[in-house]
Protein backbone atom coordinates (compact mmCIF):
# COMPACT_ATOMS: atom_id res chain seq x y z
CA MET A 1 0.00 0.00 0.00
CA ASN A 2 1.40 3.41 -0.91
CA LYS A 3 0.62 6.80 0.63
CA ALA A 4 -2.23 7.62 -1.78
CA GLU A 5 -3.92 4.29 -1.05
CA LEU A 6 -3.47 4.83 2.69
CA VAL A 7 -5.02 8.30 2.43
CA SER A 8 -7.99 6.80 0.57
CA LYS A 9 -8.49 4.13 3.24
CA ILE A 10 -8.27 6.71 6.05
CA ALA A 11 -10.76 8.99 4.28
CA GLU A 12 -13.17 6.11 3.72
CA ALA A 13 -12.90 4.77 7.30
CA SER A 14 -13.29 8.16 9.00
CA ASP A 15 -15.76 9.94 6.68
CA LEU A 16 -13.21 12.62 5.78
CA THR A 17 -12.36 14.07 2.41
CA LYS A 18 -9.14 12.80 0.88
CA ALA A 19 -7.60 16.25 1.35
CA ALA A 20 -8.45 16.27 5.06
CA ALA A 21 -7.20 12.69 5.47
CA GLU A 22 -3.93 13.54 3.73
CA LYS A 23 -3.48 16.64 5.93
CA THR A 24 -4.10 14.52 9.02
CA LEU A 25 -1.66 11.83 7.91
CA ASN A 26 1.04 14.39 7.03
CA SER A 27 0.58 16.14 10.39
CA THR A 28 0.85 12.84 12.24
CA LEU A 29 4.01 11.84 10.39
CA ASP A 30 5.54 15.30 10.97
CA VAL A 31 4.86 15.13 14.71
CA ILE A 32 6.40 11.64 14.91
CA ALA A 33 9.48 12.72 12.91
CA LYS A 34 10.02 15.85 15.06
CA ALA A 35 9.66 13.88 18.29
CA LEU A 36 12.18 11.28 17.08
CA ALA A 37 14.57 14.07 16.04
CA ASN A 38 14.43 15.25 19.68
CA ASP A 39 15.26 11.70 20.93
CA GLU A 40 11.72 11.19 22.24
CA THR A 41 9.97 7.82 22.24
CA ILE A 42 6.50 7.54 20.73
CA SER A 43 4.31 4.79 22.22
CA LEU A 44 1.01 3.93 20.57
CA ILE A 45 -0.58 1.30 22.80
CA GLY A 46 -1.53 -1.77 20.79
CA PHE A 47 0.28 -0.56 17.67
CA GLY A 48 3.90 -0.17 18.77
CA SER A 49 6.70 2.14 19.84
CA PHE A 50 9.12 4.25 17.83
CA SER A 51 12.45 5.10 19.45
CA ILE A 52 15.96 6.19 18.58
CA ILE A 53 18.95 3.95 19.28
CA GLN A 54 22.65 4.65 18.89
CA ARG A 55 24.30 2.12 16.58
CA ALA A 56 27.97 1.65 17.53
CA ALA A 57 30.83 2.14 15.09
CA ARG A 58 31.94 -1.10 13.49
CA THR A 59 34.16 -2.56 10.81
CA GLY A 60 32.54 -3.75 7.62
CA ARG A 61 33.68 -5.08 4.28
CA ASN A 62 33.31 -3.59 0.83
CA PRO A 63 31.55 -6.38 -1.11
CA GLN A 64 33.20 -5.40 -4.43
CA THR A 65 36.81 -5.15 -3.27
CA GLY A 66 36.81 -7.14 -0.04
CA LYS A 67 38.63 -4.33 1.78
CA GLU A 68 37.73 -3.56 5.38
CA ILE A 69 35.97 -0.24 5.90
CA LYS A 70 35.05 1.67 9.02
CA ILE A 71 31.35 2.31 9.51
CA ALA A 72 30.71 5.31 11.73
CA GLU A 73 28.30 5.26 14.66
CA LYS A 74 24.89 6.73 14.00
CA LYS A 75 21.40 7.11 15.37
CA VAL A 76 18.70 4.94 13.81
CA VAL A 77 14.94 4.63 14.24
CA LYS A 78 13.73 1.47 15.94
CA PHE A 79 10.15 0.20 15.83
CA LYS A 80 8.86 -2.37 18.27
CA PRO A 81 5.40 -3.66 17.38
CA GLY A 82 2.75 -3.85 20.09
CA GLN A 83 1.06 -7.10 21.06
CA LYS A 84 -2.22 -6.24 19.32
CA LEU A 85 -0.38 -5.56 16.03
CA LYS A 86 1.67 -8.76 16.39
CA ASP A 87 -1.46 -10.79 17.02
CA SER A 88 -3.32 -9.30 14.05
CA VAL A 89 -0.45 -10.00 11.67
CA CYS A 90 0.78 -13.38 12.85
CA VAL A 91 -2.21 -15.55 13.63
CA LYS A 92 -1.57 -18.72 11.68
CA VAL A 93 -3.26 -22.08 11.51
CA LYS A 94 -1.42 -24.53 13.73
CA ALA A 95 0.39 -27.10 11.64
CA LYS A 96 2.72 -29.80 12.92
CA GLY A 97 4.50 -28.13 15.86
CA GLY A 98 3.03 -24.68 15.20
CA CYS A 99 4.18 -22.05 12.73
CA GLY A 100 7.61 -21.66 14.34
CA CYS A 101 7.54 -17.87 14.71
CA GLY A 102 6.49 -17.79 18.36
CA CYS A 103 3.09 -16.23 17.69
CA LYS A 104 -0.22 -17.35 19.11
CA THR A 105 -1.29 -20.08 16.73
CA VAL A 106 -4.85 -21.32 16.45
CA ASN A 107 -5.99 -24.89 15.96
CA ALA A 108 -7.44 -25.72 12.58
CA LYS A 109 -11.01 -26.98 12.72
CA LYS A 110 -11.81 -29.88 10.42
CA LYS A 111 -15.28 -30.09 8.93
């Protein structure tokens, strides 16, 4: 789903015009981006949490030449999904031994 499709779904679900839905989405994304730029954590209960972590400097390898390169430390955005989001995405029919991903599997009902 791209941004235009998301705007359409938001407008449809909330009885807004597409312009109002796009303005709302853009405002939400701007607020999240500004908060993350200020090293704040954003927690949306049931959906997940956005935070900033410091990735340490490390040594890598150039895949073309094989030479070692130094990769500088940097801040990156981390997203941790909430339980409700995990459950809505990863409910699978229980096969032999479960699905293997650690989610809450459900038993298949035979007719």
